[in-house]
Amino acid sequence: MMNLKVSNGESKKKVSCRRLGGYLKQQKGRLYIIRRCIVMLLCWHD
């Protein structure tokens, strides 16, 4: 029973890590896009 509980905890941890990694990648992409837009706006002269 003890081994079963440990393996369940580990699998949950891996899933949450994957989910967190995907979330961080998404945020990273958003930040990159926002940063590029700001740079374009600041560097854009009429």
Protein backbone atom coordinates (compact mmCIF):
# COMPACT_ATOMS: atom_id res chain seq x y z
CA MET A 1 0.00 0.00 0.00
CA MET A 2 2.80 2.42 0.83
CA ASN A 3 4.44 1.92 -2.58
CA LEU A 4 1.11 2.53 -4.31
CA LYS A 5 0.65 5.86 -2.54
CA VAL A 6 4.17 6.99 -3.43
CA SER A 7 3.75 6.09 -7.10
CA ASN A 8 0.43 7.95 -7.22
CA GLY A 9 2.05 11.03 -5.70
CA GLU A 10 4.89 10.88 -8.21
CA SER A 11 2.58 10.57 -11.20
CA LYS A 12 0.48 13.51 -9.98
CA LYS A 13 3.66 15.53 -9.55
CA LYS A 14 4.77 14.76 -13.11
CA VAL A 15 1.39 15.75 -14.52
CA SER A 16 1.37 19.04 -12.60
CA CYS A 17 4.93 19.76 -13.74
CA ARG A 18 3.93 19.18 -17.36
CA ARG A 19 0.89 21.41 -16.93
CA LEU A 20 3.05 24.09 -15.31
CA GLY A 21 5.61 23.81 -18.10
CA GLY A 22 2.91 24.27 -20.74
CA TYR A 23 1.51 27.26 -18.86
CA LEU A 24 4.96 28.85 -18.61
CA LYS A 25 5.58 28.30 -22.32
CA GLN A 26 2.27 29.99 -23.10
CA GLN A 27 3.10 32.96 -20.87
CA LYS A 28 6.57 33.18 -22.41
CA GLY A 29 5.03 33.35 -25.87
CA ARG A 30 2.58 36.04 -24.81
CA LEU A 31 5.33 38.10 -23.21
CA TYR A 32 7.44 37.78 -26.36
CA ILE A 33 4.58 39.00 -28.56
CA ILE A 34 3.77 41.90 -26.22
CA ARG A 35 7.44 42.89 -26.05
CA ARG A 36 7.75 42.82 -29.85
CA CYS A 37 4.64 45.02 -30.18
CA ILE A 38 5.99 47.56 -27.69
CA VAL A 39 9.36 47.68 -29.44
CA MET A 40 7.64 48.20 -32.78
CA LEU A 41 5.49 51.00 -31.36
CA LEU A 42 8.46 52.72 -29.74
CA CYS A 43 10.71 52.41 -32.79
CA TRP A 44 8.02 53.34 -35.32
CA HIS A 45 8.48 56.93 -36.55
CA ASP A 46 6.06 58.61 -38.92
